[in-house]
Amino acid sequence: MKIDKAQIIDLLKSQGDQDKAGQAESELPDQVDTDQHSNLLEKLGINPRDLLGKLGGLGGLGG
């Protein structure tokens, strides 16, 4: 699944994690593929399998 980097940054900010949001800004590509970039997501404390549920309320998920 592909997700816009801005959605992941918004998720991290909503969790109060400004440091990881900044890290995501600098390390993630504009379109994040949850399979291809799973290691980067996990480094940011995001479980790619849980990402869909967490971002469900943000809308605009890519396919």
N, C-alpha and C. Protein backbone atom coordinates (compact mmCIF):
# COMPACT_ATOMS: atom_id res chain seq x y z
N MET A 1 0.85 -1.17 0.00
CA MET A 1 0.00 0.00 0.00
C MET A 1 0.89 1.24 0.00
N LYS A 2 0.52 2.23 -0.75
CA LYS A 2 1.27 3.49 -0.79
C LYS A 2 0.52 4.56 -0.01
N ILE A 3 1.29 5.31 0.78
CA ILE A 3 0.73 6.35 1.63
C ILE A 3 1.56 7.60 1.45
N ASP A 4 0.91 8.73 1.42
CA ASP A 4 1.61 10.00 1.30
C ASP A 4 2.41 10.27 2.57
N LYS A 5 3.65 10.70 2.41
CA LYS A 5 4.53 10.98 3.54
C LYS A 5 3.89 11.96 4.51
N ALA A 6 3.16 12.95 4.02
CA ALA A 6 2.55 13.96 4.87
C ALA A 6 1.57 13.32 5.86
N GLN A 7 0.88 12.25 5.46
CA GLN A 7 -0.06 11.58 6.36
C GLN A 7 0.69 10.92 7.52
N ILE A 8 1.84 10.35 7.24
CA ILE A 8 2.62 9.71 8.29
C ILE A 8 3.17 10.77 9.24
N ILE A 9 3.61 11.89 8.69
CA ILE A 9 4.11 12.99 9.52
C ILE A 9 2.98 13.52 10.40
N ASP A 10 1.80 13.69 9.84
CA ASP A 10 0.65 14.16 10.61
C ASP A 10 0.30 13.18 11.73
N LEU A 11 0.39 11.87 11.44
CA LEU A 11 0.12 10.86 12.44
C LEU A 11 1.11 10.98 13.60
N LEU A 12 2.39 11.11 13.28
CA LEU A 12 3.40 11.23 14.33
C LEU A 12 3.19 12.50 15.16
N LYS A 13 2.87 13.59 14.48
CA LYS A 13 2.61 14.84 15.20
C LYS A 13 1.39 14.71 16.11
N SER A 14 0.35 14.02 15.63
CA SER A 14 -0.86 13.86 16.44
C SER A 14 -0.59 13.00 17.67
N GLN A 15 0.45 12.18 17.60
CA GLN A 15 0.84 11.36 18.75
C GLN A 15 1.82 12.12 19.65
N GLY A 16 2.13 13.37 19.27
CA GLY A 16 3.01 14.20 20.08
C GLY A 16 4.48 13.91 19.90
N ASP A 17 4.84 13.26 18.79
CA ASP A 17 6.23 12.88 18.58
C ASP A 17 6.86 13.76 17.49
N GLN A 18 7.24 14.96 17.88
CA GLN A 18 7.81 15.93 16.93
C GLN A 18 9.17 15.46 16.39
N ASP A 19 9.95 14.79 17.23
CA ASP A 19 11.27 14.32 16.79
C ASP A 19 11.15 13.31 15.65
N LYS A 20 10.25 12.33 15.84
CA LYS A 20 10.07 11.32 14.79
C LYS A 20 9.39 11.90 13.57
N ALA A 21 8.54 12.91 13.76
CA ALA A 21 7.92 13.58 12.61
C ALA A 21 9.01 14.25 11.77
N GLY A 22 9.96 14.90 12.41
CA GLY A 22 11.07 15.52 11.69
C GLY A 22 11.94 14.49 11.00
N GLN A 23 12.14 13.37 11.67
CA GLN A 23 12.93 12.28 11.09
C GLN A 23 12.22 11.72 9.86
N ALA A 24 10.91 11.55 9.95
CA ALA A 24 10.12 11.06 8.82
C ALA A 24 10.22 12.02 7.64
N GLU A 25 10.17 13.32 7.94
CA GLU A 25 10.26 14.35 6.89
C GLU A 25 11.56 14.21 6.10
N SER A 26 12.64 13.92 6.80
CA SER A 26 13.95 13.88 6.13
C SER A 26 14.27 12.52 5.51
N GLU A 27 13.68 11.44 6.04
CA GLU A 27 14.09 10.11 5.59
C GLU A 27 13.11 9.40 4.66
N LEU A 28 11.83 9.74 4.74
CA LEU A 28 10.86 9.02 3.93
C LEU A 28 10.69 9.67 2.55
N PRO A 29 10.43 8.83 1.54
CA PRO A 29 10.11 9.39 0.22
C PRO A 29 8.71 10.00 0.23
N ASP A 30 8.37 10.77 -0.79
CA ASP A 30 7.06 11.43 -0.85
C ASP A 30 5.91 10.42 -0.82
N GLN A 31 6.08 9.31 -1.52
CA GLN A 31 5.10 8.23 -1.49
C GLN A 31 5.74 7.03 -0.80
N VAL A 32 5.22 6.66 0.34
CA VAL A 32 5.77 5.58 1.14
C VAL A 32 5.05 4.29 0.80
N ASP A 33 5.80 3.29 0.38
CA ASP A 33 5.25 1.96 0.13
C ASP A 33 5.44 1.16 1.42
N THR A 34 4.34 0.72 2.04
CA THR A 34 4.43 0.07 3.34
C THR A 34 5.24 -1.22 3.29
N ASP A 35 5.30 -1.88 2.14
CA ASP A 35 6.11 -3.09 2.02
C ASP A 35 7.58 -2.72 1.82
N GLN A 36 7.83 -1.87 0.87
CA GLN A 36 9.20 -1.50 0.51
C GLN A 36 9.90 -0.71 1.62
N HIS A 37 9.18 0.10 2.34
CA HIS A 37 9.77 0.98 3.35
C HIS A 37 9.44 0.56 4.78
N SER A 38 9.11 -0.71 4.96
CA SER A 38 8.70 -1.19 6.29
C SER A 38 9.79 -0.97 7.34
N ASN A 39 11.06 -1.14 6.97
CA ASN A 39 12.14 -0.93 7.94
C ASN A 39 12.20 0.51 8.41
N LEU A 40 12.03 1.46 7.48
CA LEU A 40 12.02 2.87 7.87
C LEU A 40 10.84 3.18 8.78
N LEU A 41 9.68 2.64 8.45
CA LEU A 41 8.50 2.88 9.27
C LEU A 41 8.68 2.32 10.68
N GLU A 42 9.24 1.12 10.76
CA GLU A 42 9.46 0.51 12.08
C GLU A 42 10.47 1.31 12.88
N LYS A 43 11.48 1.87 12.21
CA LYS A 43 12.46 2.72 12.87
C LYS A 43 11.78 3.96 13.48
N LEU A 44 10.69 4.39 12.87
CA LEU A 44 9.94 5.54 13.37
C LEU A 44 8.88 5.13 14.41
N GLY A 45 8.85 3.83 14.72
CA GLY A 45 7.89 3.35 15.70
C GLY A 45 6.52 3.08 15.13
N ILE A 46 6.45 2.88 13.82
CA ILE A 46 5.18 2.63 13.15
C ILE A 46 5.18 1.21 12.62
N ASN A 47 4.17 0.44 13.03
CA ASN A 47 4.00 -0.90 12.51
C ASN A 47 3.22 -0.78 11.20
N PRO A 48 3.86 -1.15 10.07
CA PRO A 48 3.17 -1.00 8.78
C PRO A 48 1.82 -1.70 8.72
N ARG A 49 1.65 -2.81 9.45
CA ARG A 49 0.37 -3.53 9.44
C ARG A 49 -0.72 -2.75 10.16
N ASP A 50 -0.32 -1.94 11.13
CA ASP A 50 -1.30 -1.15 11.88
C ASP A 50 -1.58 0.20 11.25
N LEU A 51 -0.80 0.57 10.25
CA LEU A 51 -0.87 1.91 9.68
C LEU A 51 -2.24 2.21 9.09
N LEU A 52 -2.84 1.27 8.41
CA LEU A 52 -4.15 1.50 7.79
C LEU A 52 -5.19 1.91 8.82
N GLY A 53 -5.23 1.21 9.94
CA GLY A 53 -6.18 1.53 10.99
C GLY A 53 -5.94 2.90 11.59
N LYS A 54 -4.67 3.25 11.78
CA LYS A 54 -4.33 4.54 12.38
C LYS A 54 -4.62 5.69 11.43
N LEU A 55 -4.44 5.47 10.14
CA LEU A 55 -4.64 6.53 9.16
C LEU A 55 -6.07 6.56 8.63
N GLY A 56 -6.87 5.61 9.00
CA GLY A 56 -8.24 5.53 8.49
C GLY A 56 -9.01 6.83 8.67
N GLY A 57 -8.82 7.50 9.79
CA GLY A 57 -9.52 8.74 10.05
C GLY A 57 -8.97 9.93 9.29
N LEU A 58 -7.75 9.78 8.75
CA LEU A 58 -7.13 10.89 8.02
C LEU A 58 -7.58 10.93 6.57
N GLY A 59 -8.04 9.81 6.04
CA GLY A 59 -8.53 9.75 4.65
C GLY A 59 -7.43 9.91 3.64
N GLY A 60 -7.78 9.75 2.37
CA GLY A 60 -6.84 9.97 1.28
C GLY A 60 -5.76 8.93 1.13
N LEU A 61 -6.01 7.70 1.54
CA LEU A 61 -5.02 6.66 1.40
C LEU A 61 -4.85 6.28 -0.06
N GLY A 62 -3.61 6.03 -0.43
CA GLY A 62 -3.33 5.55 -1.78
C GLY A 62 -3.52 4.06 -1.85
N GLY A 63 -3.54 3.50 -3.05
CA GLY A 63 -3.77 2.07 -3.18
C GLY A 63 -2.57 1.39 -3.62
